[in-house]
Amino acid sequence: MNITVYLGANEGNDPILKSAVCELGKWIGENGNTLIYGGSEAGLMGELAKSVLKTGSNVIGVEPQFFIDAGFEFDGLTELIITKDMSERKAKMIELGDAFIAFPGGTGTLEEITEVMSKVSLKQLDSPCIVYNLNGYYDDLKNLLKHMTEKGLSSEEKQKGIYFVENLEEIKAILDNN
């Protein structure tokens, strides 16, 4: 399975992020899955990629040319796909993915996972969209989706396929059932 993971190139200031992202990467790799991610060696992105590579599994980075020009690529990847811009990058990461996970990240992570959420809700994508709500990181997003439903602007049916999980065990359960 190709698992697309969205996350930041920063490390953050909570040490649980690094251990959780390494645990996720180890699981992805040990189960013979391929990681699709943003291609950077920096921060949480780099930790995730390294943890998958240590298992001997494949890691495909998808990175826009302007990040390559700035020197952010990870030279040790199985494959690096270079795109002209962020829009092309997002499209390629969706095209390659069989399942999608948003790890805690910044505005770029939020933009990427909300596009996947939209495609799932519009039935343009039939893949699990998993929001890794580690230590309540995405509680406000979860509440916003609930609020949309309460206001009649979305529905439980439209949000089917979007999962908020607290830990790796819940991710495993979702992916094992898809």
N, C-alpha and C. Protein backbone atom coordinates (compact mmCIF):
# COMPACT_ATOMS: atom_id res chain seq x y z
N MET A 1 0.85 -1.18 0.00
CA MET A 1 0.00 0.00 0.00
C MET A 1 0.89 1.25 0.00
N ASN A 2 0.52 2.24 -0.77
CA ASN A 2 1.19 3.54 -0.73
C ASN A 2 0.47 4.41 0.29
N ILE A 3 1.18 4.81 1.32
CA ILE A 3 0.60 5.63 2.37
C ILE A 3 1.18 7.03 2.27
N THR A 4 0.32 7.99 1.95
CA THR A 4 0.73 9.38 1.87
C THR A 4 0.58 9.98 3.26
N VAL A 5 1.68 10.57 3.75
CA VAL A 5 1.66 11.22 5.06
C VAL A 5 2.00 12.68 4.87
N TYR A 6 1.14 13.53 5.41
CA TYR A 6 1.36 14.97 5.41
C TYR A 6 1.85 15.37 6.80
N LEU A 7 2.92 16.14 6.84
CA LEU A 7 3.48 16.61 8.10
C LEU A 7 4.49 17.70 7.83
N GLY A 8 4.95 18.32 8.89
CA GLY A 8 5.82 19.47 8.73
C GLY A 8 7.30 19.15 8.61
N ALA A 9 8.02 20.11 8.06
CA ALA A 9 9.47 20.02 7.98
C ALA A 9 10.11 20.62 9.23
N ASN A 10 9.29 21.06 10.17
CA ASN A 10 9.78 21.51 11.48
C ASN A 10 9.67 20.35 12.45
N GLU A 11 10.43 20.41 13.53
CA GLU A 11 10.39 19.35 14.53
C GLU A 11 9.34 19.60 15.60
N GLY A 12 8.95 20.86 15.79
CA GLY A 12 8.02 21.18 16.85
C GLY A 12 8.72 21.19 18.20
N ASN A 13 7.98 21.55 19.24
CA ASN A 13 8.60 21.65 20.56
C ASN A 13 8.07 20.61 21.55
N ASP A 14 7.38 19.60 21.05
CA ASP A 14 6.88 18.52 21.88
C ASP A 14 7.63 17.25 21.52
N PRO A 15 8.43 16.70 22.44
CA PRO A 15 9.23 15.51 22.12
C PRO A 15 8.40 14.29 21.71
N ILE A 16 7.13 14.24 22.07
CA ILE A 16 6.28 13.10 21.68
C ILE A 16 6.11 13.04 20.17
N LEU A 17 6.19 14.19 19.48
CA LEU A 17 6.02 14.21 18.03
C LEU A 17 7.07 13.34 17.34
N LYS A 18 8.33 13.51 17.75
CA LYS A 18 9.41 12.75 17.11
C LYS A 18 9.25 11.26 17.36
N SER A 19 8.96 10.87 18.59
CA SER A 19 8.83 9.43 18.87
C SER A 19 7.61 8.85 18.15
N ALA A 20 6.51 9.59 18.10
CA ALA A 20 5.30 9.09 17.42
C ALA A 20 5.51 8.99 15.91
N VAL A 21 6.21 9.95 15.32
CA VAL A 21 6.43 9.90 13.87
C VAL A 21 7.39 8.76 13.51
N CYS A 22 8.37 8.50 14.37
CA CYS A 22 9.28 7.38 14.12
C CYS A 22 8.55 6.05 14.27
N GLU A 23 7.64 5.96 15.23
CA GLU A 23 6.83 4.75 15.41
C GLU A 23 5.95 4.51 14.18
N LEU A 24 5.34 5.58 13.66
CA LEU A 24 4.52 5.48 12.46
C LEU A 24 5.36 5.01 11.28
N GLY A 25 6.52 5.62 11.09
CA GLY A 25 7.39 5.25 9.97
C GLY A 25 7.86 3.81 10.05
N LYS A 26 8.22 3.38 11.25
CA LYS A 26 8.67 2.00 11.44
C LYS A 26 7.55 1.03 11.07
N TRP A 27 6.33 1.34 11.50
CA TRP A 27 5.19 0.48 11.17
C TRP A 27 4.93 0.46 9.67
N ILE A 28 4.96 1.63 9.03
CA ILE A 28 4.75 1.69 7.58
C ILE A 28 5.75 0.77 6.88
N GLY A 29 7.02 0.91 7.23
CA GLY A 29 8.06 0.13 6.58
C GLY A 29 8.02 -1.35 6.89
N GLU A 30 7.84 -1.69 8.16
CA GLU A 30 7.86 -3.10 8.56
C GLU A 30 6.70 -3.89 7.96
N ASN A 31 5.66 -3.18 7.54
CA ASN A 31 4.51 -3.85 6.93
C ASN A 31 4.57 -3.84 5.41
N GLY A 32 5.72 -3.46 4.87
CA GLY A 32 5.94 -3.52 3.43
C GLY A 32 5.24 -2.44 2.63
N ASN A 33 4.82 -1.38 3.31
CA ASN A 33 4.17 -0.26 2.63
C ASN A 33 5.22 0.72 2.10
N THR A 34 4.81 1.53 1.15
CA THR A 34 5.65 2.60 0.62
C THR A 34 5.15 3.92 1.19
N LEU A 35 6.08 4.74 1.65
CA LEU A 35 5.76 6.08 2.14
C LEU A 35 5.80 7.07 0.98
N ILE A 36 4.74 7.86 0.87
CA ILE A 36 4.71 9.00 -0.04
C ILE A 36 4.68 10.22 0.88
N TYR A 37 5.60 11.16 0.69
CA TYR A 37 5.63 12.33 1.57
C TYR A 37 6.28 13.49 0.84
N GLY A 38 6.45 14.60 1.52
CA GLY A 38 6.90 15.85 0.90
C GLY A 38 8.34 15.95 0.47
N GLY A 39 9.19 14.97 0.80
CA GLY A 39 10.53 14.91 0.24
C GLY A 39 11.65 15.57 1.03
N SER A 40 11.35 16.24 2.12
CA SER A 40 12.38 16.95 2.87
C SER A 40 13.10 16.04 3.85
N GLU A 41 14.34 16.39 4.16
CA GLU A 41 15.10 15.69 5.18
C GLU A 41 14.98 16.41 6.53
N ALA A 42 14.36 17.58 6.52
CA ALA A 42 14.28 18.40 7.73
C ALA A 42 13.12 17.98 8.63
N GLY A 43 13.29 18.23 9.92
CA GLY A 43 12.23 18.10 10.90
C GLY A 43 11.55 16.75 10.93
N LEU A 44 10.23 16.78 11.18
CA LEU A 44 9.45 15.56 11.28
C LEU A 44 9.42 14.79 9.97
N MET A 45 9.43 15.52 8.84
CA MET A 45 9.47 14.84 7.54
C MET A 45 10.69 13.94 7.44
N GLY A 46 11.83 14.47 7.79
CA GLY A 46 13.06 13.70 7.72
C GLY A 46 13.05 12.50 8.66
N GLU A 47 12.53 12.70 9.87
CA GLU A 47 12.46 11.60 10.84
C GLU A 47 11.57 10.47 10.32
N LEU A 48 10.44 10.84 9.73
CA LEU A 48 9.53 9.84 9.18
C LEU A 48 10.21 9.05 8.07
N ALA A 49 10.81 9.75 7.13
CA ALA A 49 11.46 9.08 5.99
C ALA A 49 12.59 8.17 6.45
N LYS A 50 13.41 8.64 7.37
CA LYS A 50 14.53 7.83 7.87
C LYS A 50 14.02 6.57 8.55
N SER A 51 12.94 6.68 9.31
CA SER A 51 12.43 5.51 10.03
C SER A 51 11.88 4.46 9.06
N VAL A 52 11.30 4.89 7.94
CA VAL A 52 10.83 3.94 6.92
C VAL A 52 12.03 3.33 6.19
N LEU A 53 12.98 4.15 5.81
CA LEU A 53 14.16 3.66 5.08
C LEU A 53 14.95 2.64 5.91
N LYS A 54 15.02 2.82 7.22
CA LYS A 54 15.74 1.88 8.09
C LYS A 54 15.15 0.47 8.01
N THR A 55 13.88 0.35 7.66
CA THR A 55 13.24 -0.97 7.55
C THR A 55 13.50 -1.62 6.20
N GLY A 56 14.07 -0.86 5.28
CA GLY A 56 14.32 -1.38 3.94
C GLY A 56 13.18 -1.13 2.97
N SER A 57 12.13 -0.44 3.41
CA SER A 57 10.99 -0.15 2.53
C SER A 57 11.24 1.11 1.71
N ASN A 58 10.37 1.32 0.74
CA ASN A 58 10.51 2.43 -0.19
C ASN A 58 9.93 3.73 0.35
N VAL A 59 10.60 4.81 -0.02
CA VAL A 59 10.15 6.16 0.33
C VAL A 59 10.21 7.01 -0.93
N ILE A 60 9.05 7.55 -1.30
CA ILE A 60 8.96 8.43 -2.47
C ILE A 60 8.67 9.84 -1.98
N GLY A 61 9.57 10.75 -2.27
CA GLY A 61 9.38 12.16 -1.94
C GLY A 61 8.81 12.90 -3.14
N VAL A 62 7.94 13.84 -2.87
CA VAL A 62 7.36 14.67 -3.93
C VAL A 62 7.61 16.12 -3.51
N GLU A 63 8.44 16.80 -4.28
CA GLU A 63 8.91 18.12 -3.83
C GLU A 63 8.90 19.12 -4.99
N PRO A 64 8.40 20.32 -4.74
CA PRO A 64 8.44 21.34 -5.79
C PRO A 64 9.86 21.85 -6.02
N GLN A 65 10.10 22.30 -7.24
CA GLN A 65 11.43 22.75 -7.65
C GLN A 65 11.99 23.83 -6.72
N PHE A 66 11.15 24.73 -6.22
CA PHE A 66 11.69 25.81 -5.38
C PHE A 66 12.26 25.29 -4.06
N PHE A 67 11.77 24.15 -3.56
CA PHE A 67 12.38 23.53 -2.38
C PHE A 67 13.70 22.87 -2.75
N ILE A 68 13.77 22.30 -3.93
CA ILE A 68 15.03 21.70 -4.41
C ILE A 68 16.08 22.81 -4.52
N ASP A 69 15.68 23.93 -5.13
CA ASP A 69 16.59 25.06 -5.28
C ASP A 69 17.11 25.57 -3.93
N ALA A 70 16.27 25.45 -2.90
CA ALA A 70 16.65 25.90 -1.55
C ALA A 70 17.44 24.82 -0.79
N GLY A 71 17.62 23.65 -1.40
CA GLY A 71 18.42 22.59 -0.79
C GLY A 71 17.71 21.74 0.24
N PHE A 72 16.38 21.61 0.12
CA PHE A 72 15.63 20.85 1.12
C PHE A 72 15.41 19.38 0.78
N GLU A 73 15.89 18.92 -0.38
CA GLU A 73 15.62 17.52 -0.74
C GLU A 73 16.44 16.57 0.11
N PHE A 74 15.97 15.34 0.16
CA PHE A 74 16.60 14.25 0.92
C PHE A 74 17.23 13.34 -0.13
N ASP A 75 18.54 13.29 -0.17
CA ASP A 75 19.25 12.53 -1.21
C ASP A 75 19.14 11.03 -1.08
N GLY A 76 18.76 10.50 0.08
CA GLY A 76 18.74 9.06 0.28
C GLY A 76 17.43 8.37 -0.01
N LEU A 77 16.50 9.04 -0.68
CA LEU A 77 15.18 8.46 -0.93
C LEU A 77 15.22 7.41 -2.04
N THR A 78 14.23 6.54 -2.05
CA THR A 78 14.08 5.56 -3.11
C THR A 78 13.82 6.28 -4.43
N GLU A 79 12.98 7.31 -4.36
CA GLU A 79 12.63 8.10 -5.55
C GLU A 79 12.26 9.51 -5.11
N LEU A 80 12.68 10.50 -5.89
CA LEU A 80 12.28 11.88 -5.66
C LEU A 80 11.60 12.40 -6.92
N ILE A 81 10.36 12.79 -6.77
CA ILE A 81 9.60 13.35 -7.89
C ILE A 81 9.59 14.86 -7.71
N ILE A 82 10.06 15.58 -8.72
CA ILE A 82 10.12 17.04 -8.65
C ILE A 82 8.95 17.62 -9.43
N THR A 83 8.21 18.51 -8.77
CA THR A 83 7.05 19.16 -9.39
C THR A 83 7.35 20.64 -9.61
N LYS A 84 6.54 21.26 -10.45
CA LYS A 84 6.78 22.69 -10.73
C LYS A 84 6.32 23.59 -9.59
N ASP A 85 5.31 23.15 -8.82
CA ASP A 85 4.80 23.99 -7.74
C ASP A 85 4.04 23.14 -6.72
N MET A 86 3.48 23.80 -5.70
CA MET A 86 2.78 23.08 -4.63
C MET A 86 1.49 22.43 -5.13
N SER A 87 0.80 23.06 -6.05
CA SER A 87 -0.44 22.48 -6.57
C SER A 87 -0.17 21.16 -7.27
N GLU A 88 0.86 21.13 -8.09
CA GLU A 88 1.22 19.89 -8.78
C GLU A 88 1.69 18.84 -7.77
N ARG A 89 2.39 19.29 -6.73
CA ARG A 89 2.84 18.37 -5.68
C ARG A 89 1.65 17.70 -4.99
N LYS A 90 0.66 18.50 -4.60
CA LYS A 90 -0.52 17.95 -3.93
C LYS A 90 -1.22 16.93 -4.82
N ALA A 91 -1.39 17.28 -6.09
CA ALA A 91 -2.06 16.37 -7.02
C ALA A 91 -1.28 15.06 -7.16
N LYS A 92 0.03 15.12 -7.25
CA LYS A 92 0.85 13.92 -7.40
C LYS A 92 0.79 13.05 -6.15
N MET A 93 0.81 13.67 -4.97
CA MET A 93 0.75 12.91 -3.72
C MET A 93 -0.60 12.21 -3.58
N ILE A 94 -1.65 12.85 -4.03
CA ILE A 94 -2.97 12.21 -4.01
C ILE A 94 -3.03 11.08 -5.03
N GLU A 95 -2.50 11.33 -6.22
CA GLU A 95 -2.49 10.31 -7.27
C GLU A 95 -1.76 9.05 -6.81
N LEU A 96 -0.66 9.20 -6.10
CA LEU A 96 0.15 8.07 -5.69
C LEU A 96 -0.40 7.33 -4.47
N GLY A 97 -1.21 8.00 -3.65
CA GLY A 97 -1.63 7.43 -2.38
C GLY A 97 -2.81 6.47 -2.45
N ASP A 98 -2.76 5.47 -1.57
CA ASP A 98 -3.89 4.56 -1.36
C ASP A 98 -4.59 4.89 -0.04
N ALA A 99 -3.89 5.57 0.84
CA ALA A 99 -4.43 6.01 2.13
C ALA A 99 -3.68 7.28 2.50
N PHE A 100 -4.33 8.13 3.30
CA PHE A 100 -3.78 9.44 3.61
C PHE A 100 -3.82 9.70 5.10
N ILE A 101 -2.70 10.17 5.64
CA ILE A 101 -2.60 10.45 7.06
C ILE A 101 -2.07 11.86 7.24
N ALA A 102 -2.74 12.65 8.08
CA ALA A 102 -2.23 13.96 8.48
C ALA A 102 -1.65 13.81 9.87
N PHE A 103 -0.34 13.90 9.98
CA PHE A 103 0.33 13.96 11.27
C PHE A 103 0.28 15.43 11.71
N PRO A 104 0.44 15.74 12.98
CA PRO A 104 0.48 17.15 13.36
C PRO A 104 1.49 17.93 12.52
N GLY A 105 1.06 19.08 12.04
CA GLY A 105 1.91 19.92 11.19
C GLY A 105 1.38 21.34 11.16
N GLY A 106 1.85 22.11 10.21
CA GLY A 106 1.47 23.51 10.11
C GLY A 106 0.41 23.75 9.05
N THR A 107 0.41 24.96 8.51
CA THR A 107 -0.63 25.35 7.55
C THR A 107 -0.56 24.54 6.26
N GLY A 108 0.64 24.15 5.84
CA GLY A 108 0.76 23.33 4.64
C GLY A 108 0.12 21.97 4.84
N THR A 109 0.34 21.37 6.00
CA THR A 109 -0.28 20.09 6.32
C THR A 109 -1.80 20.22 6.33
N LEU A 110 -2.27 21.30 6.93
CA LEU A 110 -3.71 21.54 6.99
C LEU A 110 -4.30 21.69 5.59
N GLU A 111 -3.62 22.45 4.74
CA GLU A 111 -4.11 22.62 3.37
C GLU A 111 -4.17 21.29 2.63
N GLU A 112 -3.13 20.48 2.79
CA GLU A 112 -3.07 19.21 2.07
C GLU A 112 -4.15 18.24 2.53
N ILE A 113 -4.34 18.12 3.83
CA ILE A 113 -5.33 17.14 4.31
C ILE A 113 -6.75 17.63 4.06
N THR A 114 -6.99 18.94 4.08
CA THR A 114 -8.35 19.40 3.79
C THR A 114 -8.72 19.17 2.33
N GLU A 115 -7.74 19.19 1.44
CA GLU A 115 -8.05 18.84 0.05
C GLU A 115 -8.46 17.38 -0.05
N VAL A 116 -7.76 16.51 0.67
CA VAL A 116 -8.12 15.09 0.68
C VAL A 116 -9.51 14.92 1.30
N MET A 117 -9.78 15.62 2.41
CA MET A 117 -11.10 15.56 3.05
C MET A 117 -12.19 15.95 2.06
N SER A 118 -11.96 17.01 1.32
CA SER A 118 -12.94 17.48 0.35
C SER A 118 -13.20 16.43 -0.73
N LYS A 119 -12.13 15.84 -1.25
CA LYS A 119 -12.28 14.81 -2.28
C LYS A 119 -13.02 13.59 -1.75
N VAL A 120 -12.74 13.21 -0.49
CA VAL A 120 -13.45 12.08 0.12
C VAL A 120 -14.92 12.42 0.28
N SER A 121 -15.22 13.62 0.78
CA SER A 121 -16.63 13.99 1.02
C SER A 121 -17.42 14.14 -0.28
N LEU A 122 -16.75 14.50 -1.37
CA LEU A 122 -17.40 14.62 -2.67
C LEU A 122 -17.40 13.30 -3.45
N LYS A 123 -16.89 12.25 -2.80
CA LYS A 123 -16.81 10.91 -3.40
C LYS A 123 -15.94 10.89 -4.66
N GLN A 124 -14.95 11.79 -4.69
CA GLN A 124 -13.98 11.81 -5.78
C GLN A 124 -12.74 10.98 -5.43
N LEU A 125 -12.69 10.53 -4.18
CA LEU A 125 -11.58 9.73 -3.69
C LEU A 125 -12.15 8.71 -2.72
N ASP A 126 -11.88 7.45 -2.98
CA ASP A 126 -12.38 6.36 -2.13
C ASP A 126 -11.21 5.75 -1.38
N SER A 127 -10.63 6.53 -0.49
CA SER A 127 -9.48 6.11 0.30
C SER A 127 -9.65 6.66 1.71
N PRO A 128 -9.11 5.97 2.70
CA PRO A 128 -9.22 6.50 4.06
C PRO A 128 -8.42 7.79 4.22
N CYS A 129 -9.03 8.75 4.86
CA CYS A 129 -8.41 10.03 5.20
C CYS A 129 -8.31 10.06 6.73
N ILE A 130 -7.09 9.89 7.23
CA ILE A 130 -6.87 9.73 8.67
C ILE A 130 -6.19 10.96 9.23
N VAL A 131 -6.81 11.56 10.22
CA VAL A 131 -6.24 12.71 10.91
C VAL A 131 -5.70 12.19 12.23
N TYR A 132 -4.38 12.22 12.37
CA TYR A 132 -3.72 11.70 13.58
C TYR A 132 -3.79 12.78 14.65
N ASN A 133 -4.79 12.65 15.49
CA ASN A 133 -5.11 13.65 16.52
C ASN A 133 -4.29 13.39 17.79
N LEU A 134 -2.99 13.34 17.62
CA LEU A 134 -2.06 13.05 18.70
C LEU A 134 -2.19 14.11 19.80
N ASN A 135 -2.48 13.65 21.01
CA ASN A 135 -2.63 14.55 22.17
C ASN A 135 -3.62 15.68 21.90
N GLY A 136 -4.65 15.41 21.11
CA GLY A 136 -5.69 16.40 20.86
C GLY A 136 -5.30 17.50 19.88
N TYR A 137 -4.23 17.29 19.13
CA TYR A 137 -3.71 18.33 18.22
C TYR A 137 -4.79 18.84 17.25
N TYR A 138 -5.62 17.95 16.75
CA TYR A 138 -6.64 18.33 15.77
C TYR A 138 -8.04 18.40 16.36
N ASP A 139 -8.16 18.55 17.66
CA ASP A 139 -9.49 18.64 18.29
C ASP A 139 -10.34 19.75 17.68
N ASP A 140 -9.73 20.91 17.43
CA ASP A 140 -10.51 22.03 16.88
C ASP A 140 -11.02 21.73 15.48
N LEU A 141 -10.21 21.04 14.67
CA LEU A 141 -10.66 20.65 13.32
C LEU A 141 -11.81 19.64 13.43
N LYS A 142 -11.68 18.70 14.33
CA LYS A 142 -12.73 17.72 14.55
C LYS A 142 -14.03 18.41 14.97
N ASN A 143 -13.92 19.38 15.87
CA ASN A 143 -15.09 20.14 16.32
C ASN A 143 -15.69 20.98 15.20
N LEU A 144 -14.84 21.51 14.33
CA LEU A 144 -15.33 22.29 13.19
C LEU A 144 -16.16 21.42 12.25
N LEU A 145 -15.70 20.21 11.97
CA LEU A 145 -16.47 19.31 11.11
C LEU A 145 -17.81 18.95 11.75
N LYS A 146 -17.79 18.74 13.05
CA LYS A 146 -19.04 18.47 13.78
C LYS A 146 -19.97 19.68 13.69
N HIS A 147 -19.41 20.87 13.84
CA HIS A 147 -20.19 22.11 13.77
C HIS A 147 -20.81 22.28 12.38
N MET A 148 -20.06 21.95 11.34
CA MET A 148 -20.59 22.02 9.97
C MET A 148 -21.82 21.13 9.82
N THR A 149 -21.76 19.95 10.41
CA THR A 149 -22.88 19.02 10.34
C THR A 149 -24.07 19.57 11.14
N GLU A 150 -23.79 20.07 12.34
CA GLU A 150 -24.86 20.63 13.18
C GLU A 150 -25.57 21.79 12.49
N LYS A 151 -24.85 22.56 11.69
CA LYS A 151 -25.41 23.71 10.99
C LYS A 151 -26.01 23.34 9.63
N GLY A 152 -25.98 22.06 9.30
CA GLY A 152 -26.58 21.60 8.05
C GLY A 152 -25.75 21.90 6.82
N LEU A 153 -24.46 22.21 7.01
CA LEU A 153 -23.59 22.54 5.88
C LEU A 153 -22.73 21.35 5.45
N SER A 154 -22.81 20.29 6.20
CA SER A 154 -22.16 19.03 5.87
C SER A 154 -23.06 17.95 6.45
N SER A 155 -22.62 16.72 6.35
CA SER A 155 -23.41 15.62 6.91
C SER A 155 -22.47 14.50 7.32
N GLU A 156 -22.99 13.61 8.16
CA GLU A 156 -22.19 12.45 8.53
C GLU A 156 -21.86 11.61 7.30
N GLU A 157 -22.79 11.54 6.37
CA GLU A 157 -22.55 10.79 5.13
C GLU A 157 -21.39 11.39 4.35
N LYS A 158 -21.35 12.72 4.23
CA LYS A 158 -20.25 13.38 3.50
C LYS A 158 -18.92 13.20 4.21
N GLN A 159 -18.96 13.06 5.52
CA GLN A 159 -17.72 12.93 6.28
C GLN A 159 -17.30 11.47 6.49
N LYS A 160 -18.07 10.56 5.91
CA LYS A 160 -17.71 9.15 5.98
C LYS A 160 -16.39 8.94 5.23
N GLY A 161 -15.47 8.25 5.86
CA GLY A 161 -14.15 8.06 5.27
C GLY A 161 -13.10 8.99 5.85
N ILE A 162 -13.54 9.95 6.68
CA ILE A 162 -12.62 10.84 7.38
C ILE A 162 -12.58 10.37 8.83
N TYR A 163 -11.39 10.01 9.27
CA TYR A 163 -11.23 9.42 10.61
C TYR A 163 -10.30 10.28 11.46
N PHE A 164 -10.67 10.51 12.69
CA PHE A 164 -9.79 11.14 13.67
C PHE A 164 -9.34 10.05 14.62
N VAL A 165 -8.04 9.86 14.73
CA VAL A 165 -7.49 8.80 15.57
C VAL A 165 -6.53 9.38 16.60
N GLU A 166 -6.37 8.65 17.68
CA GLU A 166 -5.52 9.12 18.78
C GLU A 166 -4.15 8.44 18.80
N ASN A 167 -4.02 7.30 18.10
CA ASN A 167 -2.76 6.55 18.21
C ASN A 167 -2.56 5.64 17.00
N LEU A 168 -1.40 5.04 16.95
CA LEU A 168 -1.05 4.16 15.84
C LEU A 168 -1.94 2.93 15.77
N GLU A 169 -2.36 2.41 16.90
CA GLU A 169 -3.23 1.23 16.89
C GLU A 169 -4.53 1.50 16.11
N GLU A 170 -5.08 2.69 16.27
CA GLU A 170 -6.30 3.04 15.54
C GLU A 170 -6.03 3.19 14.05
N ILE A 171 -4.86 3.70 13.69
CA ILE A 171 -4.48 3.80 12.27
C ILE A 171 -4.40 2.39 11.68
N LYS A 172 -3.73 1.49 12.39
CA LYS A 172 -3.60 0.11 11.92
C LYS A 172 -4.97 -0.52 11.69
N ALA A 173 -5.90 -0.31 12.63
CA ALA A 173 -7.23 -0.91 12.52
C ALA A 173 -7.95 -0.40 11.28
N ILE A 174 -7.86 0.89 11.00
CA ILE A 174 -8.53 1.47 9.83
C ILE A 174 -7.92 0.90 8.54
N LEU A 175 -6.60 0.90 8.47
CA LEU A 175 -5.93 0.44 7.24
C LEU A 175 -6.08 -1.06 7.04
N ASP A 176 -6.17 -1.82 8.12
CA ASP A 176 -6.38 -3.26 7.99
C ASP A 176 -7.78 -3.58 7.46
N ASN A 177 -8.73 -2.67 7.67
CA ASN A 177 -10.11 -2.89 7.23
C ASN A 177 -10.42 -2.25 5.89
N ASN A 178 -9.44 -1.66 5.24
CA ASN A 178 -9.66 -1.03 3.93
C ASN A 178 -8.92 -1.73 2.83
